[in-house]
Protein backbone atom coordinates (compact mmCIF):
# COMPACT_ATOMS: atom_id res chain seq x y z
CA MET A 1 14.95 -17.00 -18.90
CA ASP A 2 14.81 -18.51 -15.41
CA HIS A 3 13.89 -22.16 -15.08
CA LEU A 4 12.53 -23.49 -11.84
CA LEU A 5 14.12 -26.56 -10.32
CA ILE A 6 10.63 -28.06 -10.28
CA ASP A 7 10.52 -27.79 -14.09
CA ASN A 8 13.70 -29.86 -14.38
CA ALA A 9 12.80 -32.46 -11.77
CA LYS A 10 9.20 -33.53 -12.25
CA ASP A 11 9.71 -36.75 -10.25
CA LEU A 12 10.90 -34.98 -7.08
CA THR A 13 8.87 -35.41 -3.89
CA LEU A 14 9.14 -34.00 -0.40
CA ASP A 15 10.76 -37.32 0.60
CA THR A 16 13.54 -37.03 -1.98
CA LEU A 17 14.70 -33.52 -1.02
CA GLU A 18 17.98 -33.74 0.89
CA PHE A 19 17.93 -30.36 2.62
CA ASN A 20 15.74 -29.20 5.55
CA LYS A 21 14.32 -32.67 6.11
CA ASP A 22 12.39 -31.53 9.19
CA VAL A 23 10.47 -28.99 7.07
CA ASN A 24 9.82 -31.65 4.41
CA THR A 25 8.49 -34.07 7.06
CA PHE A 26 6.23 -31.38 8.51
CA LEU A 27 4.82 -30.47 5.07
CA LYS A 28 4.24 -34.12 4.16
CA THR A 29 2.40 -34.72 7.45
CA LEU A 30 0.34 -31.58 6.90
CA ALA A 31 -0.52 -32.67 3.35
CA HIS A 32 -2.18 -35.81 4.71
CA ALA A 33 -4.01 -34.07 7.58
CA SER A 34 -7.76 -33.60 7.33
CA LYS A 35 -7.63 -29.95 8.45
CA MET A 36 -5.05 -27.55 7.11
CA PRO A 37 -4.30 -24.01 8.29
CA HIS A 38 -3.37 -21.11 6.06
CA LEU A 39 0.35 -21.17 5.39
CA ILE A 40 2.84 -18.40 4.79
CA LEU A 41 6.29 -19.55 3.73
CA GLU A 42 9.16 -17.15 4.16
CA GLY A 43 12.87 -17.48 3.82
CA SER A 44 15.90 -16.15 2.05
CA ARG A 45 16.20 -16.13 -1.71
CA GLY A 46 16.95 -19.60 -3.07
CA SER A 47 15.92 -21.43 0.10
CA GLY A 48 13.37 -23.63 -1.70
CA LYS A 49 10.07 -21.94 -0.90
CA LYS A 50 8.62 -22.26 -4.39
CA LEU A 51 9.88 -25.82 -4.86
CA ARG A 52 8.45 -26.94 -1.52
CA THR A 53 5.15 -25.21 -2.30
CA HIS A 54 4.81 -27.07 -5.59
CA LEU A 55 5.78 -30.41 -4.01
CA PHE A 56 3.40 -29.85 -1.08
CA LEU A 57 0.50 -29.04 -3.40
CA ARG A 58 1.25 -32.10 -5.52
CA GLU A 59 1.35 -34.26 -2.37
CA LYS A 60 -1.95 -32.81 -1.11
CA PHE A 61 -3.98 -32.53 -4.33
CA GLY A 62 -2.16 -34.50 -7.04
CA PRO A 63 -1.08 -32.94 -10.35
CA ILE A 64 -2.38 -29.37 -10.72
CA THR A 65 -1.99 -26.54 -13.21
CA PHE A 66 -0.53 -23.17 -12.25
CA ARG A 67 -1.26 -19.88 -14.01
CA GLN A 68 0.00 -16.32 -13.79
CA SER A 69 -2.63 -13.71 -13.03
CA SER A 70 -2.84 -10.04 -12.14
CA ILE A 71 -5.44 -8.38 -9.95
CA THR A 72 -5.95 -4.77 -8.95
CA ILE A 73 -6.34 -4.07 -5.26
CA ASP A 74 -6.94 -0.89 -3.27
CA ILE A 75 -4.09 -0.18 -0.85
CA PRO A 76 -4.98 2.11 2.09
CA GLY A 77 -3.06 5.38 1.77
CA LYS A 78 -2.04 4.60 -1.83
CA ASP A 79 -3.73 4.33 -5.18
CA SER A 80 -4.88 1.04 -6.65
CA GLU A 81 -2.04 -1.39 -7.31
CA GLU A 82 -1.80 -4.21 -9.84
CA ILE A 83 -0.47 -7.33 -8.10
CA HIS A 84 1.03 -10.30 -9.93
CA ILE A 85 0.02 -13.70 -8.56
CA LEU A 86 0.90 -17.30 -9.36
CA MET A 87 -2.19 -19.34 -8.61
CA SER A 88 -3.88 -22.71 -8.83
CA PRO A 89 -7.35 -23.79 -7.70
CA TYR A 90 -5.85 -24.41 -4.25
CA HIS A 91 -3.40 -21.58 -3.61
CA PHE A 92 -2.07 -18.21 -4.61
CA GLN A 93 1.52 -17.09 -4.38
CA ILE A 94 2.59 -13.46 -4.09
CA ASN A 95 5.86 -11.62 -3.65
CA PRO A 96 5.19 -8.32 -1.87
CA SER A 97 8.76 -7.08 -2.26
CA ILE A 98 8.46 -6.70 -6.04
CA HIS A 99 5.50 -4.38 -5.53
CA SER A 100 7.23 -2.07 -2.99
CA ILE A 101 4.44 -2.68 -0.49
CA TYR A 102 4.78 -3.87 3.09
CA ASP A 103 3.77 -7.52 3.48
CA ARG A 104 1.08 -6.83 6.06
CA THR A 105 -0.55 -4.05 4.03
CA LEU A 106 -0.57 -6.18 0.89
CA LEU A 107 -2.02 -9.24 2.62
CA GLN A 108 -4.75 -7.19 4.33
CA ALA A 109 -5.74 -5.53 1.06
CA LEU A 110 -5.58 -8.83 -0.81
CA THR A 111 -7.80 -10.68 1.68
CA ASN A 112 -10.35 -7.86 1.42
CA THR A 113 -10.33 -8.26 -2.38
CA ILE A 114 -10.50 -12.05 -2.70
């Protein structure tokens, strides 16, 4: 079973990460801003997207609980598709590649559903 780095390092913060410090500084600044845009994080496998997302959310909102969920969405030109999402009261996290759907198509269908 996979274990996230965040599960093993509960006392990590954006300040303590040693790699991509410019991204960490940007996320920390954004966490303390009054207005926040929608964010899409992308990068290669193992680049720290999930870890930074968890640390950013903790910085912005304090300790929060995450849960796995599935929703069914209508994809144009395809049948309905069940999508797996990791979510909290403040975010949802999807991985379009595991569903064999183009990112844009999935995001458009998802925003029409939510």
